[in-house]
């Protein structure tokens, strides 16, 4: 099953770049500086003291035609799905029968 991973965040651009570099990310980390994407997807959890939108952690799976096949939203912003959970959801949403990945879960 071929998949592409993209991440969207609304933190400071320099902070995101430093984090992506320190973690060795090899996928696009997109900036949602004004929180418009977070809001349009209905993922706004809260707003911090600076007025910045805090998103719910979410995993949205789209197929190659751009059709949304699965949406997972965690209401606790401190929790994230494990790599194994992400791979299971991808396989189920896209009709795959297993995806292998090395992970430090």
Foldseek 3Di string as FASTA:
>chain_A
DDDADEAEDQDDPVVVVVVCVVVVDPHHYHHPNQCPVQVVVVFFQDADPVRHTDGFDKDWDAPPVRHTQDIDTDNDNVDDDAPVVVQVVNCVSVVHDGDDDDDDD
